[in-house]
Amino acid sequence: MSQQQLPKDITAAIAPKLDRVVHVFDIPPKYQTDNGITSFGLVELTAKEDLKAKRRYKGDIFKLQDELIKMSFYEFNDKKISPAEPHRIESFWNNMPNRLRTMVIACYQKINEPDEEDLESFLGSGRQKT
């Protein structure tokens, strides 16, 4: 079924995540819990998704990173997360071991931060005008 054949309300919910690169990571066995999740996929956020996550953090700067990462979850065990199941993401995030959470944060940063060379080149292109 193509995006054009989906009902408008469903299309609006899933459209931002269609046709995107999914970065999949396997959870090391010693960090897996009884929820059955052995891998997860993250996507780079669109500007709209970024804004939505920022609205949910409600001024708590420590919560902002969590909300951005939770917004980027796309799949568990190679199965797309339904927009109707945000509780699955919340449950996964809230119940994962702290060391796994640290690894997930590193995954998010890896796919969203520019390469050092690109960053240096970009910063080097800066100039001042008067």
Protein backbone atom coordinates (compact mmCIF):
# COMPACT_ATOMS: atom_id res chain seq x y z
CA MET A 1 0.00 0.00 0.00
CA SER A 2 1.50 3.34 -1.02
CA GLN A 3 1.45 6.44 1.14
CA GLN A 4 -1.23 7.95 -1.12
CA GLN A 5 -3.60 5.04 -0.40
CA LEU A 6 -3.40 5.39 3.39
CA PRO A 7 -6.07 7.33 5.28
CA LYS A 8 -5.01 10.94 5.88
CA ASP A 9 -4.75 10.66 9.68
CA ILE A 10 -2.44 7.63 9.46
CA THR A 11 -0.41 9.17 6.65
CA ALA A 12 0.15 12.31 8.70
CA ALA A 13 1.39 10.25 11.63
CA ILE A 14 3.90 8.13 9.71
CA ALA A 15 4.87 10.39 6.80
CA PRO A 16 7.89 11.98 8.53
CA LYS A 17 9.55 8.58 8.89
CA LEU A 18 8.92 7.06 5.45
CA ASP A 19 11.86 6.47 3.10
CA ARG A 20 14.61 7.25 5.61
CA VAL A 21 17.88 5.63 6.50
CA VAL A 22 17.49 3.51 9.63
CA HIS A 23 20.63 3.00 11.72
CA VAL A 24 20.23 -0.43 13.36
CA PHE A 25 22.16 -1.47 16.45
CA ASP A 26 22.28 -4.90 18.13
CA ILE A 27 21.96 -4.91 21.89
CA PRO A 28 24.75 -6.93 23.51
CA PRO A 29 23.25 -10.04 25.20
CA LYS A 30 24.36 -9.00 28.67
CA TYR A 31 22.31 -5.79 28.36
CA GLN A 32 19.16 -7.38 26.98
CA THR A 33 16.18 -7.48 29.32
CA ASP A 34 13.12 -9.70 29.42
CA ASN A 35 11.26 -7.37 27.01
CA GLY A 36 12.59 -9.43 24.06
CA ILE A 37 14.19 -6.48 22.27
CA THR A 38 17.55 -7.48 20.80
CA SER A 39 18.04 -4.63 18.33
CA PHE A 40 16.75 -1.14 17.67
CA GLY A 41 16.81 1.31 14.80
CA LEU A 42 17.19 5.08 14.97
CA VAL A 43 16.56 7.71 12.30
CA GLU A 44 17.79 11.26 12.00
CA LEU A 45 15.04 13.62 13.08
CA THR A 46 13.26 15.97 10.74
CA ALA A 47 12.88 19.59 11.84
CA LYS A 48 9.24 18.87 12.71
CA GLU A 49 10.17 15.87 14.89
CA ASP A 50 12.93 17.84 16.56
CA LEU A 51 10.46 20.59 17.45
CA LYS A 52 7.92 18.06 18.75
CA ALA A 53 10.55 16.52 21.05
CA LYS A 54 11.59 19.97 22.26
CA ARG A 55 7.99 20.78 23.14
CA ARG A 56 7.78 17.64 25.29
CA TYR A 57 10.81 18.48 27.42
CA LYS A 58 8.94 21.34 29.13
CA GLY A 59 11.98 23.33 30.16
CA ASP A 60 13.83 20.45 31.83
CA ILE A 61 17.18 20.52 29.98
CA PHE A 62 18.06 17.05 31.27
CA LYS A 63 14.87 15.64 29.72
CA LEU A 64 15.55 17.25 26.32
CA GLN A 65 18.17 14.70 25.26
CA ASP A 66 15.90 11.84 26.31
CA GLU A 67 13.00 13.24 24.29
CA LEU A 68 15.14 13.73 21.18
CA ILE A 69 16.44 10.16 21.39
CA LYS A 70 13.00 8.66 22.05
CA MET A 71 11.66 10.57 19.04
CA SER A 72 14.35 9.00 16.84
CA PHE A 73 13.44 5.37 17.63
CA TYR A 74 12.06 3.79 14.45
CA GLU A 75 12.10 0.02 14.99
CA PHE A 76 12.66 -2.78 17.47
CA ASN A 77 13.90 -6.19 16.25
CA ASP A 78 13.61 -5.08 12.60
CA LYS A 79 9.89 -4.27 13.02
CA LYS A 80 8.72 -0.69 12.58
CA ILE A 81 7.26 0.91 15.69
CA SER A 82 3.68 1.96 15.07
CA PRO A 83 2.87 5.62 15.74
CA ALA A 84 -0.01 4.25 17.82
CA GLU A 85 2.46 2.54 20.21
CA PRO A 86 4.55 5.29 21.85
CA HIS A 87 4.27 3.34 25.11
CA ARG A 88 6.66 0.73 23.68
CA ILE A 89 9.38 3.35 23.36
CA GLU A 90 8.69 4.76 26.82
CA SER A 91 8.79 1.29 28.37
CA PHE A 92 12.02 0.37 26.59
CA TRP A 93 13.68 3.65 27.59
CA ASN A 94 12.52 3.59 31.20
CA ASN A 95 13.43 -0.05 31.84
CA MET A 96 16.78 -0.40 30.09
CA PRO A 97 19.95 -0.84 32.15
CA ASN A 98 21.88 2.41 32.65
CA ARG A 99 24.88 1.18 30.65
CA LEU A 100 22.64 0.35 27.70
CA ARG A 101 21.07 3.81 27.95
CA THR A 102 24.58 5.27 27.74
CA MET A 103 25.23 3.22 24.59
CA VAL A 104 21.92 4.34 23.05
CA ILE A 105 22.86 7.96 23.73
CA ALA A 106 26.19 7.33 21.98
CA CYS A 107 24.34 5.81 18.98
CA TYR A 108 22.11 8.88 18.73
CA GLN A 109 25.11 11.20 18.90
CA LYS A 110 27.01 9.16 16.30
CA ILE A 111 24.27 9.45 13.69
CA ASN A 112 23.45 13.11 14.40
CA GLU A 113 26.80 14.80 14.95
CA PRO A 114 28.86 15.89 11.93
CA ASP A 115 32.18 14.25 11.21
CA GLU A 116 35.09 16.14 12.78
CA GLU A 117 36.50 16.99 9.34
CA ASP A 118 33.16 18.42 8.15
CA LEU A 119 32.76 20.42 11.35
CA GLU A 120 36.29 21.87 11.10
CA SER A 121 35.75 22.75 7.44
CA PHE A 122 32.44 24.40 8.23
CA LEU A 123 33.83 26.38 11.17
CA GLY A 124 36.85 27.35 9.06
CA SER A 125 34.53 28.91 6.49
CA GLY A 126 33.31 31.44 9.04
CA ARG A 127 34.20 35.08 8.54
CA GLN A 128 33.39 38.46 10.05
CA LYS A 129 31.83 41.42 8.32
CA THR A 130 31.38 44.99 9.38
